[in-house]
Amino acid sequence: MRALIAGAGETPAELAAALRARGAEAEVSPPVAAGAERQVARLARALVEFERAAGGRGFELAVAVGTGDEAIALALDAAKLGIPLVACLPPEPGPDELERAEWRILRELAQERLPLEESGGAEALAERILAWAGAPG
């Protein structure tokens, strides 16, 4: 199984390592550098970066970790390209209106939803992703 992972923080890299340790091919989409530009410009850059990362490389699964530009860009492009999406999300969205909207979008687009704050961290998420995908692990 080949997975492309995107999201903020350290969890995407930890999840990629856990998937690789179980025999899957996993790559983390390059993060979009934070800047003073408006949110729409960051999201547009994230869409371009994901399409570059996914273009013609045969990813079988997309994994969005948390909310934010990288996760939303991955989810939108995965839907466009027909790549199944697993969303690893907190059980409830935060108080910010944008975060709540992103959380709802990711839940809607995902074929599988996994709790982000699960005990066992990236290791447990990797096991659940592989089980869902039907991949040996």
N, C-alpha and C. Protein backbone atom coordinates (compact mmCIF):
# COMPACT_ATOMS: atom_id res chain seq x y z
N MET A 1 0.84 -1.17 0.00
CA MET A 1 0.00 0.00 0.00
C MET A 1 0.89 1.24 0.00
N ARG A 2 0.52 2.22 -0.81
CA ARG A 2 1.23 3.50 -0.86
C ARG A 2 0.32 4.58 -0.32
N ALA A 3 0.78 5.30 0.70
CA ALA A 3 -0.03 6.34 1.32
C ALA A 3 0.70 7.67 1.28
N LEU A 4 -0.08 8.72 1.04
CA LEU A 4 0.42 10.09 1.14
C LEU A 4 -0.27 10.73 2.34
N ILE A 5 0.52 11.30 3.23
CA ILE A 5 0.02 11.84 4.50
C ILE A 5 0.27 13.34 4.53
N ALA A 6 -0.72 14.09 5.03
CA ALA A 6 -0.56 15.53 5.17
C ALA A 6 -1.24 15.99 6.44
N GLY A 7 -0.68 17.03 7.03
CA GLY A 7 -1.24 17.63 8.23
C GLY A 7 -0.17 18.46 8.91
N ALA A 8 -0.56 19.10 9.98
CA ALA A 8 0.36 19.96 10.71
C ALA A 8 0.98 19.20 11.88
N GLY A 9 2.09 19.71 12.35
CA GLY A 9 2.74 19.14 13.52
C GLY A 9 3.59 17.93 13.20
N GLU A 10 3.93 17.17 14.25
CA GLU A 10 4.82 16.02 14.11
C GLU A 10 4.09 14.72 13.77
N THR A 11 2.79 14.67 13.99
CA THR A 11 2.05 13.42 13.81
C THR A 11 2.16 12.85 12.40
N PRO A 12 2.08 13.64 11.32
CA PRO A 12 2.22 13.02 9.99
C PRO A 12 3.53 12.26 9.81
N ALA A 13 4.64 12.82 10.25
CA ALA A 13 5.93 12.13 10.12
C ALA A 13 5.98 10.88 10.99
N GLU A 14 5.42 10.96 12.20
CA GLU A 14 5.38 9.79 13.08
C GLU A 14 4.51 8.70 12.48
N LEU A 15 3.38 9.08 11.90
CA LEU A 15 2.49 8.10 11.28
C LEU A 15 3.16 7.46 10.07
N ALA A 16 3.85 8.25 9.25
CA ALA A 16 4.55 7.70 8.09
C ALA A 16 5.59 6.69 8.54
N ALA A 17 6.33 7.00 9.59
CA ALA A 17 7.34 6.06 10.10
C ALA A 17 6.69 4.78 10.60
N ALA A 18 5.56 4.91 11.30
CA ALA A 18 4.87 3.72 11.82
C ALA A 18 4.33 2.86 10.68
N LEU A 19 3.83 3.48 9.62
CA LEU A 19 3.35 2.72 8.47
C LEU A 19 4.51 2.02 7.75
N ARG A 20 5.62 2.74 7.58
CA ARG A 20 6.79 2.13 6.93
C ARG A 20 7.32 0.96 7.75
N ALA A 21 7.30 1.07 9.07
CA ALA A 21 7.77 -0.02 9.93
C ALA A 21 6.91 -1.27 9.76
N ARG A 22 5.71 -1.10 9.25
CA ARG A 22 4.79 -2.22 9.04
C ARG A 22 4.75 -2.65 7.57
N GLY A 23 5.68 -2.17 6.77
CA GLY A 23 5.80 -2.62 5.39
C GLY A 23 5.08 -1.80 4.35
N ALA A 24 4.40 -0.74 4.75
CA ALA A 24 3.70 0.12 3.78
C ALA A 24 4.67 1.17 3.25
N GLU A 25 4.37 1.69 2.09
CA GLU A 25 5.10 2.84 1.58
C GLU A 25 4.32 4.07 2.00
N ALA A 26 4.98 4.98 2.69
CA ALA A 26 4.31 6.18 3.19
C ALA A 26 5.20 7.39 3.00
N GLU A 27 4.58 8.46 2.55
CA GLU A 27 5.30 9.70 2.29
C GLU A 27 4.51 10.86 2.89
N VAL A 28 5.22 11.82 3.44
CA VAL A 28 4.57 13.00 4.00
C VAL A 28 4.63 14.11 2.95
N SER A 29 3.47 14.67 2.65
CA SER A 29 3.40 15.79 1.71
C SER A 29 4.15 16.97 2.33
N PRO A 30 4.94 17.68 1.54
CA PRO A 30 5.70 18.81 2.11
C PRO A 30 4.76 19.85 2.70
N PRO A 31 5.06 20.34 3.91
CA PRO A 31 4.20 21.35 4.51
C PRO A 31 4.29 22.67 3.75
N VAL A 32 3.22 23.41 3.83
CA VAL A 32 3.18 24.74 3.22
C VAL A 32 3.69 25.72 4.25
N ALA A 33 4.70 26.49 3.89
CA ALA A 33 5.29 27.44 4.83
C ALA A 33 4.27 28.47 5.29
N ALA A 34 4.26 28.72 6.58
CA ALA A 34 3.35 29.73 7.13
C ALA A 34 3.84 31.12 6.71
N GLY A 35 2.93 32.00 6.54
CA GLY A 35 3.28 33.36 6.17
C GLY A 35 2.16 34.29 6.55
N ALA A 36 2.32 35.51 6.20
CA ALA A 36 1.33 36.52 6.55
C ALA A 36 0.19 36.58 5.53
N GLU A 37 0.30 35.80 4.44
CA GLU A 37 -0.73 35.88 3.43
C GLU A 37 -2.06 35.33 3.93
N ARG A 38 -3.06 35.64 3.22
CA ARG A 38 -4.40 35.22 3.60
C ARG A 38 -4.55 33.72 3.50
N GLN A 39 -5.49 33.18 4.25
CA GLN A 39 -5.74 31.74 4.31
C GLN A 39 -5.97 31.13 2.93
N VAL A 40 -6.68 31.84 2.06
CA VAL A 40 -7.00 31.31 0.73
C VAL A 40 -5.71 31.07 -0.06
N ALA A 41 -4.77 31.97 0.03
CA ALA A 41 -3.50 31.80 -0.70
C ALA A 41 -2.73 30.60 -0.17
N ARG A 42 -2.74 30.39 1.14
CA ARG A 42 -2.06 29.21 1.72
C ARG A 42 -2.72 27.93 1.24
N LEU A 43 -4.05 27.91 1.21
CA LEU A 43 -4.76 26.72 0.76
C LEU A 43 -4.45 26.44 -0.71
N ALA A 44 -4.43 27.48 -1.53
CA ALA A 44 -4.11 27.30 -2.95
C ALA A 44 -2.71 26.70 -3.11
N ARG A 45 -1.73 27.20 -2.33
CA ARG A 45 -0.37 26.64 -2.40
C ARG A 45 -0.36 25.19 -1.95
N ALA A 46 -1.13 24.88 -0.91
CA ALA A 46 -1.19 23.50 -0.42
C ALA A 46 -1.79 22.58 -1.48
N LEU A 47 -2.80 23.04 -2.21
CA LEU A 47 -3.39 22.24 -3.29
C LEU A 47 -2.36 21.93 -4.37
N VAL A 48 -1.59 22.93 -4.75
CA VAL A 48 -0.55 22.74 -5.76
C VAL A 48 0.51 21.75 -5.26
N GLU A 49 0.95 21.90 -4.01
CA GLU A 49 1.97 21.00 -3.45
C GLU A 49 1.48 19.56 -3.40
N PHE A 50 0.23 19.35 -3.01
CA PHE A 50 -0.28 17.98 -2.96
C PHE A 50 -0.36 17.38 -4.35
N GLU A 51 -0.86 18.15 -5.32
CA GLU A 51 -0.95 17.60 -6.68
C GLU A 51 0.43 17.24 -7.22
N ARG A 52 1.44 18.04 -6.88
CA ARG A 52 2.81 17.70 -7.30
C ARG A 52 3.25 16.40 -6.65
N ALA A 53 2.96 16.26 -5.35
CA ALA A 53 3.38 15.06 -4.63
C ALA A 53 2.64 13.82 -5.13
N ALA A 54 1.36 13.96 -5.46
CA ALA A 54 0.55 12.80 -5.84
C ALA A 54 0.64 12.48 -7.33
N GLY A 55 0.97 13.46 -8.13
CA GLY A 55 0.92 13.32 -9.58
C GLY A 55 1.63 12.10 -10.11
N GLY A 56 0.86 11.13 -10.61
CA GLY A 56 1.40 9.97 -11.30
C GLY A 56 2.23 9.03 -10.44
N ARG A 57 2.15 9.13 -9.12
CA ARG A 57 3.02 8.29 -8.29
C ARG A 57 2.29 7.10 -7.68
N GLY A 58 1.04 6.90 -8.07
CA GLY A 58 0.33 5.69 -7.69
C GLY A 58 -0.04 5.57 -6.22
N PHE A 59 -0.37 6.67 -5.56
CA PHE A 59 -0.80 6.57 -4.18
C PHE A 59 -2.16 5.89 -4.13
N GLU A 60 -2.30 4.95 -3.20
CA GLU A 60 -3.55 4.21 -3.05
C GLU A 60 -4.40 4.74 -1.91
N LEU A 61 -3.81 5.61 -1.09
CA LEU A 61 -4.50 6.09 0.08
C LEU A 61 -3.97 7.47 0.46
N ALA A 62 -4.88 8.34 0.89
CA ALA A 62 -4.51 9.65 1.42
C ALA A 62 -4.91 9.67 2.89
N VAL A 63 -4.04 10.22 3.74
CA VAL A 63 -4.32 10.30 5.17
C VAL A 63 -4.18 11.75 5.61
N ALA A 64 -5.29 12.35 6.02
CA ALA A 64 -5.29 13.72 6.53
C ALA A 64 -5.21 13.65 8.05
N VAL A 65 -4.25 14.38 8.61
CA VAL A 65 -4.05 14.38 10.06
C VAL A 65 -4.43 15.75 10.60
N GLY A 66 -5.49 15.80 11.40
CA GLY A 66 -5.95 17.06 11.96
C GLY A 66 -6.62 17.92 10.91
N THR A 67 -6.77 19.20 11.25
CA THR A 67 -7.36 20.16 10.32
C THR A 67 -6.27 21.11 9.84
N GLY A 68 -6.59 22.02 8.96
CA GLY A 68 -5.62 22.99 8.45
C GLY A 68 -5.48 22.88 6.95
N ASP A 69 -4.68 23.78 6.39
CA ASP A 69 -4.53 23.87 4.93
C ASP A 69 -4.03 22.57 4.30
N GLU A 70 -3.01 21.96 4.89
CA GLU A 70 -2.44 20.75 4.29
C GLU A 70 -3.46 19.62 4.27
N ALA A 71 -4.17 19.42 5.38
CA ALA A 71 -5.17 18.35 5.45
C ALA A 71 -6.32 18.60 4.49
N ILE A 72 -6.80 19.83 4.41
CA ILE A 72 -7.91 20.16 3.51
C ILE A 72 -7.47 20.00 2.05
N ALA A 73 -6.28 20.47 1.70
CA ALA A 73 -5.79 20.34 0.33
C ALA A 73 -5.69 18.87 -0.06
N LEU A 74 -5.15 18.05 0.83
CA LEU A 74 -5.03 16.62 0.56
C LEU A 74 -6.42 16.02 0.34
N ALA A 75 -7.38 16.36 1.20
CA ALA A 75 -8.73 15.80 1.09
C ALA A 75 -9.40 16.20 -0.22
N LEU A 76 -9.28 17.46 -0.60
CA LEU A 76 -9.91 17.93 -1.84
C LEU A 76 -9.29 17.27 -3.06
N ASP A 77 -7.97 17.20 -3.10
CA ASP A 77 -7.31 16.58 -4.25
C ASP A 77 -7.53 15.08 -4.28
N ALA A 78 -7.55 14.43 -3.12
CA ALA A 78 -7.83 12.99 -3.08
C ALA A 78 -9.22 12.71 -3.64
N ALA A 79 -10.19 13.54 -3.27
CA ALA A 79 -11.54 13.37 -3.80
C ALA A 79 -11.54 13.56 -5.32
N LYS A 80 -10.82 14.56 -5.78
CA LYS A 80 -10.75 14.84 -7.22
C LYS A 80 -10.08 13.70 -7.98
N LEU A 81 -9.04 13.10 -7.38
CA LEU A 81 -8.27 12.05 -8.04
C LEU A 81 -8.83 10.65 -7.78
N GLY A 82 -9.85 10.54 -6.94
CA GLY A 82 -10.44 9.23 -6.63
C GLY A 82 -9.60 8.38 -5.69
N ILE A 83 -8.79 9.02 -4.86
CA ILE A 83 -7.96 8.30 -3.89
C ILE A 83 -8.73 8.25 -2.58
N PRO A 84 -8.92 7.06 -1.99
CA PRO A 84 -9.62 6.98 -0.71
C PRO A 84 -8.91 7.81 0.36
N LEU A 85 -9.71 8.41 1.24
CA LEU A 85 -9.20 9.30 2.28
C LEU A 85 -9.52 8.75 3.66
N VAL A 86 -8.50 8.72 4.52
CA VAL A 86 -8.67 8.45 5.94
C VAL A 86 -8.41 9.77 6.65
N ALA A 87 -9.35 10.21 7.48
CA ALA A 87 -9.18 11.44 8.24
C ALA A 87 -8.95 11.09 9.71
N CYS A 88 -7.81 11.52 10.24
CA CYS A 88 -7.48 11.34 11.65
C CYS A 88 -7.77 12.67 12.34
N LEU A 89 -8.87 12.70 13.07
CA LEU A 89 -9.37 13.96 13.61
C LEU A 89 -9.61 13.87 15.11
N PRO A 90 -9.54 15.03 15.79
CA PRO A 90 -9.95 15.04 17.18
C PRO A 90 -11.45 14.69 17.26
N PRO A 91 -11.89 14.15 18.40
CA PRO A 91 -13.30 13.76 18.51
C PRO A 91 -14.28 14.91 18.26
N GLU A 92 -13.90 16.10 18.64
CA GLU A 92 -14.73 17.29 18.44
C GLU A 92 -13.87 18.41 17.87
N PRO A 93 -14.46 19.28 17.04
CA PRO A 93 -13.67 20.40 16.51
C PRO A 93 -13.40 21.43 17.60
N GLY A 94 -12.39 22.24 17.38
CA GLY A 94 -12.06 23.32 18.31
C GLY A 94 -13.09 24.44 18.21
N PRO A 95 -12.89 25.48 19.00
CA PRO A 95 -13.87 26.58 19.04
C PRO A 95 -13.81 27.52 17.83
N ASP A 96 -12.70 27.51 17.10
CA ASP A 96 -12.53 28.41 15.96
C ASP A 96 -13.49 28.02 14.83
N GLU A 97 -14.16 29.02 14.24
CA GLU A 97 -15.15 28.76 13.18
C GLU A 97 -14.52 28.06 11.98
N LEU A 98 -13.33 28.49 11.56
CA LEU A 98 -12.66 27.87 10.42
C LEU A 98 -12.31 26.42 10.73
N GLU A 99 -11.78 26.16 11.92
CA GLU A 99 -11.43 24.79 12.29
C GLU A 99 -12.68 23.89 12.31
N ARG A 100 -13.80 24.42 12.79
CA ARG A 100 -15.04 23.63 12.80
C ARG A 100 -15.47 23.29 11.36
N ALA A 101 -15.34 24.26 10.46
CA ALA A 101 -15.70 24.02 9.06
C ALA A 101 -14.78 22.97 8.43
N GLU A 102 -13.47 23.09 8.68
CA GLU A 102 -12.52 22.11 8.14
C GLU A 102 -12.81 20.72 8.68
N TRP A 103 -13.10 20.62 9.97
CA TRP A 103 -13.40 19.34 10.61
C TRP A 103 -14.60 18.69 9.92
N ARG A 104 -15.65 19.49 9.66
CA ARG A 104 -16.85 18.95 9.00
C ARG A 104 -16.54 18.52 7.57
N ILE A 105 -15.76 19.30 6.84
CA ILE A 105 -15.39 18.95 5.46
C ILE A 105 -14.62 17.64 5.44
N LEU A 106 -13.64 17.51 6.32
CA LEU A 106 -12.83 16.29 6.36
C LEU A 106 -13.69 15.07 6.72
N ARG A 107 -14.57 15.23 7.69
CA ARG A 107 -15.46 14.11 8.06
C ARG A 107 -16.35 13.72 6.88
N GLU A 108 -16.79 14.69 6.11
CA GLU A 108 -17.67 14.40 4.98
C GLU A 108 -16.93 13.70 3.84
N LEU A 109 -15.71 14.13 3.55
CA LEU A 109 -14.96 13.58 2.42
C LEU A 109 -14.30 12.24 2.71
N ALA A 110 -14.05 11.95 3.98
CA ALA A 110 -13.30 10.75 4.35
C ALA A 110 -14.14 9.48 4.21
N GLN A 111 -13.50 8.44 3.70
CA GLN A 111 -14.13 7.13 3.66
C GLN A 111 -14.00 6.45 5.04
N GLU A 112 -12.98 6.85 5.80
CA GLU A 112 -12.76 6.31 7.15
C GLU A 112 -12.34 7.45 8.05
N ARG A 113 -12.87 7.47 9.26
CA ARG A 113 -12.53 8.50 10.25
C ARG A 113 -11.95 7.81 11.48
N LEU A 114 -10.78 8.27 11.90
CA LEU A 114 -10.12 7.70 13.07
C LEU A 114 -9.86 8.80 14.10
N PRO A 115 -9.97 8.46 15.38
CA PRO A 115 -9.72 9.48 16.42
C PRO A 115 -8.24 9.80 16.51
N LEU A 116 -7.92 11.08 16.48
CA LEU A 116 -6.53 11.52 16.51
C LEU A 116 -5.90 11.33 17.89
N GLU A 117 -6.66 11.56 18.94
CA GLU A 117 -6.09 11.46 20.28
C GLU A 117 -6.26 10.07 20.88
N GLU A 118 -6.13 9.06 20.06
CA GLU A 118 -6.25 7.68 20.52
C GLU A 118 -5.00 7.28 21.29
N SER A 119 -5.18 6.51 22.35
CA SER A 119 -4.00 6.03 23.08
C SER A 119 -3.21 5.11 22.15
N GLY A 120 -1.93 5.19 22.23
CA GLY A 120 -1.08 4.43 21.33
C GLY A 120 -0.52 5.28 20.20
N GLY A 121 -1.05 6.49 20.03
CA GLY A 121 -0.54 7.46 19.07
C GLY A 121 -0.44 6.95 17.65
N ALA A 122 0.67 7.28 17.01
CA ALA A 122 0.88 6.97 15.60
C ALA A 122 0.89 5.46 15.36
N GLU A 123 1.40 4.71 16.31
CA GLU A 123 1.45 3.25 16.15
C GLU A 123 0.04 2.67 16.03
N ALA A 124 -0.85 3.10 16.92
CA ALA A 124 -2.23 2.61 16.89
C ALA A 124 -2.95 3.08 15.63
N LEU A 125 -2.71 4.33 15.22
CA LEU A 125 -3.33 4.82 13.98
C LEU A 125 -2.86 4.01 12.78
N ALA A 126 -1.56 3.70 12.73
CA ALA A 126 -1.01 2.92 11.61
C ALA A 126 -1.69 1.55 11.54
N GLU A 127 -1.86 0.90 12.68
CA GLU A 127 -2.51 -0.41 12.71
C GLU A 127 -3.94 -0.32 12.19
N ARG A 128 -4.66 0.70 12.62
CA ARG A 128 -6.06 0.85 12.20
C ARG A 128 -6.16 1.20 10.72
N ILE A 129 -5.24 2.03 10.22
CA ILE A 129 -5.24 2.39 8.80
C ILE A 129 -4.98 1.15 7.94
N LEU A 130 -3.98 0.36 8.32
CA LEU A 130 -3.66 -0.84 7.55
C LEU A 130 -4.80 -1.85 7.60
N ALA A 131 -5.44 -1.99 8.76
CA ALA A 131 -6.58 -2.90 8.88
C ALA A 131 -7.72 -2.44 7.97
N TRP A 132 -7.99 -1.15 7.98
CA TRP A 132 -9.07 -0.61 7.15
C TRP A 132 -8.74 -0.81 5.65
N ALA A 133 -7.49 -0.56 5.29
CA ALA A 133 -7.08 -0.66 3.89
C ALA A 133 -6.93 -2.11 3.42
N GLY A 134 -6.97 -3.04 4.36
CA GLY A 134 -6.80 -4.45 4.01
C GLY A 134 -5.37 -4.80 3.66
N ALA A 135 -4.43 -3.98 4.12
CA ALA A 135 -3.02 -4.22 3.83
C ALA A 135 -2.39 -5.03 4.96
N PRO A 136 -1.45 -5.89 4.64
CA PRO A 136 -0.77 -6.62 5.71
C PRO A 136 0.01 -5.67 6.58
N GLY A 137 0.06 -5.91 7.86
CA GLY A 137 0.80 -5.03 8.75
C GLY A 137 1.06 -5.74 9.98
